[in-house]
N, C-alpha and C. Protein backbone atom coordinates (compact mmCIF):
# COMPACT_ATOMS: atom_id res chain seq x y z
N MET A 1 46.32 -34.31 -5.97
CA MET A 1 47.25 -33.94 -6.90
C MET A 1 46.69 -34.96 -7.87
N ASP A 2 46.62 -35.51 -9.10
CA ASP A 2 45.92 -36.24 -10.00
C ASP A 2 47.03 -37.26 -10.35
N SER A 3 46.49 -38.49 -10.84
CA SER A 3 47.48 -39.44 -10.97
C SER A 3 49.07 -38.83 -12.18
N GLY A 4 48.11 -38.04 -13.46
CA GLY A 4 49.46 -37.49 -14.12
C GLY A 4 50.66 -36.95 -13.08
N GLU A 5 50.25 -35.69 -12.32
CA GLU A 5 51.13 -34.81 -11.65
C GLU A 5 51.52 -35.76 -10.56
N PHE A 6 51.42 -37.16 -10.18
CA PHE A 6 51.97 -37.61 -8.86
C PHE A 6 53.14 -38.23 -9.96
N LEU A 7 52.60 -39.30 -11.20
CA LEU A 7 53.82 -39.61 -12.12
C LEU A 7 55.16 -38.58 -12.07
N MET A 8 54.82 -37.78 -12.58
CA MET A 8 55.66 -37.30 -12.76
C MET A 8 56.64 -36.61 -11.89
N ARG A 9 56.08 -35.98 -10.60
CA ARG A 9 56.61 -36.03 -9.27
C ARG A 9 57.36 -36.77 -8.88
N ALA A 10 56.86 -37.87 -8.60
CA ALA A 10 57.31 -39.47 -8.24
C ALA A 10 58.21 -40.11 -8.76
N ARG A 11 58.65 -39.47 -10.44
CA ARG A 11 59.29 -39.82 -11.75
C ARG A 11 58.77 -41.79 -12.10
N LEU A 12 58.17 -42.05 -11.74
CA LEU A 12 57.38 -43.15 -12.12
C LEU A 12 56.95 -43.75 -13.23
N ASP A 13 56.68 -44.83 -13.66
CA ASP A 13 56.02 -45.43 -14.96
C ASP A 13 54.31 -45.69 -14.59
N PRO A 14 53.82 -45.64 -15.21
CA PRO A 14 52.23 -45.82 -14.87
C PRO A 14 52.07 -47.70 -14.45
N GLN A 15 53.04 -48.34 -15.33
CA GLN A 15 52.89 -49.78 -15.08
C GLN A 15 53.39 -49.95 -13.51
N VAL A 16 54.38 -49.14 -13.34
CA VAL A 16 55.16 -49.34 -11.89
C VAL A 16 54.20 -48.98 -10.76
N LEU A 17 53.31 -47.65 -10.56
CA LEU A 17 51.97 -46.70 -10.53
C LEU A 17 51.36 -48.16 -10.45
N GLU A 18 50.79 -48.73 -11.29
CA GLU A 18 49.83 -49.86 -11.11
C GLU A 18 50.43 -51.08 -10.58
N ALA A 19 51.55 -51.31 -10.02
CA ALA A 19 51.62 -52.31 -9.65
C ALA A 19 52.07 -52.28 -8.16
N TRP A 20 52.85 -51.19 -7.91
CA TRP A 20 52.73 -50.35 -6.34
C TRP A 20 51.21 -50.21 -5.94
N ILE A 21 50.10 -49.56 -6.19
CA ILE A 21 48.88 -50.14 -5.94
C ILE A 21 48.40 -51.09 -5.50
N ALA A 22 48.59 -51.95 -6.96
CA ALA A 22 47.93 -53.56 -6.34
C ALA A 22 48.84 -54.54 -5.21
N ALA A 23 50.05 -53.94 -4.65
CA ALA A 23 50.79 -54.35 -3.79
C ALA A 23 50.76 -54.22 -2.52
N GLY A 24 49.32 -52.86 -2.54
CA GLY A 24 49.20 -51.93 -1.47
C GLY A 24 50.38 -51.41 -0.63
N TRP A 25 51.64 -50.57 -1.49
CA TRP A 25 52.59 -50.39 -0.87
C TRP A 25 51.81 -48.65 -1.63
N LEU A 26 51.01 -48.21 -2.26
CA LEU A 26 50.72 -46.92 -2.18
C LEU A 26 48.94 -46.89 -2.25
N MET A 27 48.34 -46.19 -1.51
CA MET A 27 46.81 -46.08 -1.36
C MET A 27 45.97 -44.92 -1.67
N PRO A 28 46.22 -44.52 -2.86
CA PRO A 28 45.70 -43.02 -3.05
C PRO A 28 44.28 -43.13 -2.76
N ARG A 29 43.61 -41.78 -3.02
CA ARG A 29 42.09 -41.70 -2.31
C ARG A 29 41.45 -42.26 -4.28
N GLY A 30 40.06 -42.76 -4.01
CA GLY A 30 39.61 -42.96 -5.39
C GLY A 30 40.14 -43.98 -6.11
N ARG A 31 39.41 -44.02 -7.30
CA ARG A 31 39.80 -45.25 -7.96
C ARG A 31 39.89 -44.81 -9.25
N GLY A 32 40.43 -45.42 -10.27
CA GLY A 32 40.58 -45.22 -11.80
C GLY A 32 41.08 -44.18 -11.90
N ALA A 33 40.44 -43.51 -12.91
CA ALA A 33 40.85 -41.96 -13.32
C ALA A 33 40.86 -40.75 -12.02
N MET A 34 39.73 -41.10 -11.27
CA MET A 34 39.56 -40.35 -10.37
C MET A 34 40.27 -40.49 -8.99
N ARG A 35 41.53 -41.31 -8.96
CA ARG A 35 42.79 -41.07 -7.86
C ARG A 35 43.26 -39.80 -7.56
N GLU A 36 43.27 -39.79 -6.26
CA GLU A 36 43.98 -38.36 -6.12
C GLU A 36 44.98 -38.97 -4.86
N PHE A 37 46.01 -38.26 -4.94
CA PHE A 37 47.28 -38.49 -3.98
C PHE A 37 47.74 -37.67 -3.12
N ALA A 38 48.49 -37.80 -2.57
CA ALA A 38 48.97 -36.27 -1.56
C ALA A 38 50.17 -36.37 -1.59
N ASP A 39 51.20 -35.00 -0.66
CA ASP A 39 52.53 -35.23 -1.04
C ASP A 39 52.92 -36.72 -0.05
N VAL A 40 52.67 -36.88 1.03
CA VAL A 40 52.75 -38.26 1.48
C VAL A 40 53.06 -39.49 0.78
N ASP A 41 52.05 -39.65 -0.67
CA ASP A 41 52.18 -40.21 -1.62
C ASP A 41 53.67 -40.61 -1.89
N VAL A 42 53.73 -39.04 -2.65
CA VAL A 42 55.22 -38.87 -3.31
C VAL A 42 56.33 -39.48 -2.20
N ALA A 43 56.08 -38.91 -0.82
CA ALA A 43 57.51 -39.21 -0.28
C ALA A 43 57.67 -40.48 -0.29
N ARG A 44 56.37 -41.41 -0.41
CA ARG A 44 56.74 -42.80 0.26
C ARG A 44 56.68 -43.62 -0.99
N ALA A 45 56.49 -43.17 -2.22
CA ALA A 45 56.97 -43.59 -3.27
C ALA A 45 58.47 -43.52 -3.18
N CYS A 46 59.09 -42.11 -2.87
CA CYS A 46 60.84 -41.89 -3.26
C CYS A 46 61.23 -43.13 -2.30
N LEU A 47 60.66 -43.12 -1.02
CA LEU A 47 61.48 -44.06 -0.26
C LEU A 47 61.10 -45.55 -0.66
N ILE A 48 60.30 -45.33 -1.29
CA ILE A 48 60.54 -47.07 -2.26
C ILE A 48 61.18 -47.39 -3.30
N LEU A 49 61.78 -46.24 -4.17
CA LEU A 49 62.56 -46.43 -5.17
C LEU A 49 64.38 -46.13 -4.45
N ASP A 50 63.85 -45.24 -2.84
CA ASP A 50 65.47 -45.81 -2.41
C ASP A 50 65.72 -47.06 -1.98
N LEU A 51 64.80 -47.66 -1.46
CA LEU A 51 64.52 -48.98 -1.51
C LEU A 51 65.28 -50.06 -2.07
N HIS A 52 64.61 -49.94 -3.09
CA HIS A 52 64.97 -50.25 -4.61
C HIS A 52 66.65 -50.49 -4.89
N LYS A 53 66.88 -48.90 -4.64
CA LYS A 53 68.38 -48.74 -4.74
C LYS A 53 69.22 -49.07 -4.01
N LEU A 54 68.52 -49.28 -2.17
CA LEU A 54 69.57 -49.85 -1.96
C LEU A 54 69.96 -51.32 -1.88
N GLY A 55 69.26 -52.16 -2.77
CA GLY A 55 69.12 -53.74 -2.73
C GLY A 55 68.07 -54.23 -2.27
N VAL A 56 67.09 -53.30 -1.29
CA VAL A 56 66.19 -54.09 -0.85
C VAL A 56 64.94 -55.25 -1.38
N ASN A 57 64.48 -56.25 -1.20
CA ASN A 57 64.31 -56.87 -2.26
C ASN A 57 62.85 -56.96 -2.52
N GLU A 58 61.72 -57.51 -3.28
CA GLU A 58 60.08 -57.23 -3.36
C GLU A 58 59.40 -57.63 -1.89
N GLU A 59 59.96 -58.64 -1.56
CA GLU A 59 59.70 -59.52 -0.38
C GLU A 59 59.49 -58.31 1.14
N GLY A 60 60.91 -57.54 1.25
CA GLY A 60 61.74 -56.85 1.98
C GLY A 60 60.50 -55.16 2.16
N ILE A 61 60.37 -54.98 0.99
CA ILE A 61 59.79 -53.57 0.95
C ILE A 61 58.22 -53.74 1.97
N PRO A 62 57.64 -54.26 1.76
CA PRO A 62 56.38 -54.12 2.46
C PRO A 62 56.34 -54.17 4.23
N ILE A 63 57.83 -55.51 4.45
CA ILE A 63 58.10 -54.95 5.59
C ILE A 63 58.89 -53.62 6.12
N VAL A 64 59.29 -52.85 5.50
CA VAL A 64 60.14 -51.80 5.83
C VAL A 64 58.82 -50.39 5.53
N LEU A 65 58.33 -51.08 5.00
CA LEU A 65 56.87 -49.77 4.94
C LEU A 65 55.93 -50.09 6.04
N ASP A 66 56.03 -51.02 6.16
CA ASP A 66 55.18 -51.41 7.16
C ASP A 66 55.51 -50.87 8.64
N LEU A 67 56.96 -50.93 9.39
CA LEU A 67 57.89 -49.82 10.38
C LEU A 67 57.47 -48.98 10.15
N VAL A 68 57.93 -48.36 8.86
CA VAL A 68 57.81 -46.75 8.99
C VAL A 68 56.70 -46.32 9.21
N ASP A 69 55.53 -47.00 8.52
CA ASP A 69 54.19 -46.59 9.33
C ASP A 69 54.02 -46.72 10.63
N GLN A 70 54.63 -47.75 11.51
CA GLN A 70 54.40 -48.01 12.64
C GLN A 70 55.18 -46.75 13.78
N VAL A 71 56.22 -46.69 13.37
CA VAL A 71 56.58 -45.18 13.53
C VAL A 71 56.47 -43.91 13.54
N HIS A 72 55.30 -43.55 12.46
CA HIS A 72 54.62 -42.51 12.57
C HIS A 72 53.17 -42.54 13.02
N GLY A 73 52.62 -43.68 13.69
CA GLY A 73 51.74 -43.96 14.27
C GLY A 73 52.12 -43.52 15.69
N LEU A 74 53.62 -43.90 16.16
CA LEU A 74 53.89 -44.05 17.57
C LEU A 74 54.38 -42.35 17.61
N ARG A 75 54.73 -41.88 17.13
CA ARG A 75 55.29 -40.47 16.67
C ARG A 75 53.80 -39.26 16.75
N ARG A 76 52.48 -40.10 16.29
CA ARG A 76 51.40 -39.47 16.18
C ARG A 76 50.46 -39.65 17.83
N ILE A 77 51.07 -40.79 18.14
CA ILE A 77 50.33 -40.96 19.66
C ILE A 77 51.31 -40.23 21.13
N LEU A 78 52.45 -39.79 20.46
CA LEU A 78 53.23 -39.49 21.53
C LEU A 78 52.99 -38.14 21.56
N ARG A 79 53.00 -37.22 20.58
CA ARG A 79 52.14 -36.13 20.29
C ARG A 79 51.18 -35.67 21.17
N GLU A 80 50.31 -36.57 20.93
CA GLU A 80 48.81 -36.48 21.59
C GLU A 80 49.12 -36.52 22.82
N LEU A 81 49.97 -37.31 23.53
CA LEU A 81 50.32 -37.75 24.65
C LEU A 81 50.45 -36.50 25.23
N LEU A 82 51.95 -35.75 24.86
CA LEU A 82 52.16 -34.68 24.98
C LEU A 82 51.65 -33.52 25.23
N ALA A 83 50.59 -33.49 24.28
CA ALA A 83 49.36 -32.47 24.63
C ALA A 83 48.83 -32.40 25.70
N ALA A 84 48.46 -33.38 25.51
CA ALA A 84 47.55 -33.99 26.61
C ALA A 84 47.68 -33.54 28.28
N MET A 85 49.04 -34.03 28.18
CA MET A 85 50.28 -33.90 29.63
C MET A 85 49.94 -32.57 29.62
N GLN A 86 49.82 -31.20 28.86
CA GLN A 86 50.33 -29.78 29.28
C GLN A 86 49.14 -29.21 29.37
N GLU A 87 48.23 -29.68 29.16
CA GLU A 87 46.95 -29.02 29.27
C GLU A 87 46.60 -29.14 30.58
N PRO A 88 46.22 -28.28 31.09
CA PRO A 88 45.91 -27.55 33.04
C PRO A 88 44.55 -28.69 33.42
N SER A 89 44.91 -29.57 33.98
CA SER A 89 43.61 -30.44 34.60
C SER A 89 42.92 -29.95 35.80
N PRO A 90 41.57 -30.04 35.91
CA PRO A 90 40.78 -29.53 36.94
C PRO A 90 41.09 -29.41 38.69
N ALA A 91 41.95 -30.68 39.02
CA ALA A 91 42.95 -30.97 39.69
C ALA A 91 43.87 -29.87 40.18
N ASP A 92 44.41 -29.04 39.00
CA ASP A 92 45.30 -28.32 39.58
C ASP A 92 44.63 -27.28 39.64
N ASP A 93 43.77 -26.98 38.87
CA ASP A 93 43.07 -25.30 39.31
C ASP A 93 42.46 -25.49 40.68
N ASP A 94 41.82 -26.69 41.16
CA ASP A 94 41.14 -27.28 42.38
C ASP A 94 42.92 -26.96 44.27
N LEU A 95 44.15 -26.66 43.63
CA LEU A 95 45.44 -26.65 44.45
C LEU A 95 45.64 -25.24 44.07
N ALA A 96 45.50 -24.56 42.99
CA ALA A 96 45.51 -23.52 42.76
C ALA A 96 44.85 -22.30 43.74
N ALA A 97 44.06 -22.97 43.54
CA ALA A 97 42.66 -22.18 44.42
C ALA A 97 43.09 -22.29 45.74
N THR A 98 43.84 -23.55 46.38
CA THR A 98 43.80 -23.63 47.64
C THR A 98 45.49 -22.29 48.46
N PRO A 99 44.70 -21.76 49.75
CA PRO A 99 45.97 -21.14 49.93
C PRO A 99 47.22 -21.94 50.64
N ALA A 100 48.18 -21.30 49.96
CA ALA A 100 49.44 -22.07 50.54
C ALA A 100 49.62 -22.82 51.53
N GLY A 101 49.17 -21.75 52.96
CA GLY A 101 49.53 -21.88 54.39
C GLY A 101 48.02 -23.31 54.96
N ASP A 102 47.46 -23.71 54.11
CA ASP A 102 46.46 -24.90 54.45
C ASP A 102 46.80 -26.02 54.14
N PRO A 103 46.41 -26.70 56.09
CA PRO A 103 47.43 -27.85 56.30
C PRO A 103 46.70 -28.90 55.86
N ASN A 104 45.16 -28.81 54.94
CA ASN A 104 44.49 -29.71 53.71
C ASN A 104 44.76 -29.41 52.97
N ARG A 105 46.18 -28.80 52.27
CA ARG A 105 46.43 -28.49 50.95
C ARG A 105 46.68 -29.81 50.51
N GLY A 106 45.47 -30.03 48.77
CA GLY A 106 45.90 -31.16 48.15
C GLY A 106 45.22 -32.67 48.84
N ARG A 107 44.71 -32.48 49.50
CA ARG A 107 44.35 -33.45 50.35
C ARG A 107 42.61 -33.65 49.90
N THR A 108 42.43 -35.44 49.53
CA THR A 108 40.85 -34.82 49.42
C THR A 108 39.97 -35.50 50.76
N HIS A 109 39.07 -35.04 50.98
CA HIS A 109 38.04 -35.84 52.43
C HIS A 109 37.11 -36.71 51.75
């Protein structure tokens, strides 16, 4: 979405948006009039507004945002790890092909 739509959806003033971009709290794709925002940017702006309402000061906002980013990064890594663990490995195929009564089942020679 462009800057105008973002401002409407996030309910921000243009000056506030510029300040948040300068602070690194929001990082749209592109520059100037060519800025593009995603739904995650709207969610991040809403979080910043909520943090302000809760009394988090200007120095605390980047700390909270960094922690939220770390949590999201860890969740992504865990999803990838779980997906990798659920994929059958070549060793599983070798075990499945060995007869159940074979005394050497699962052993490597």
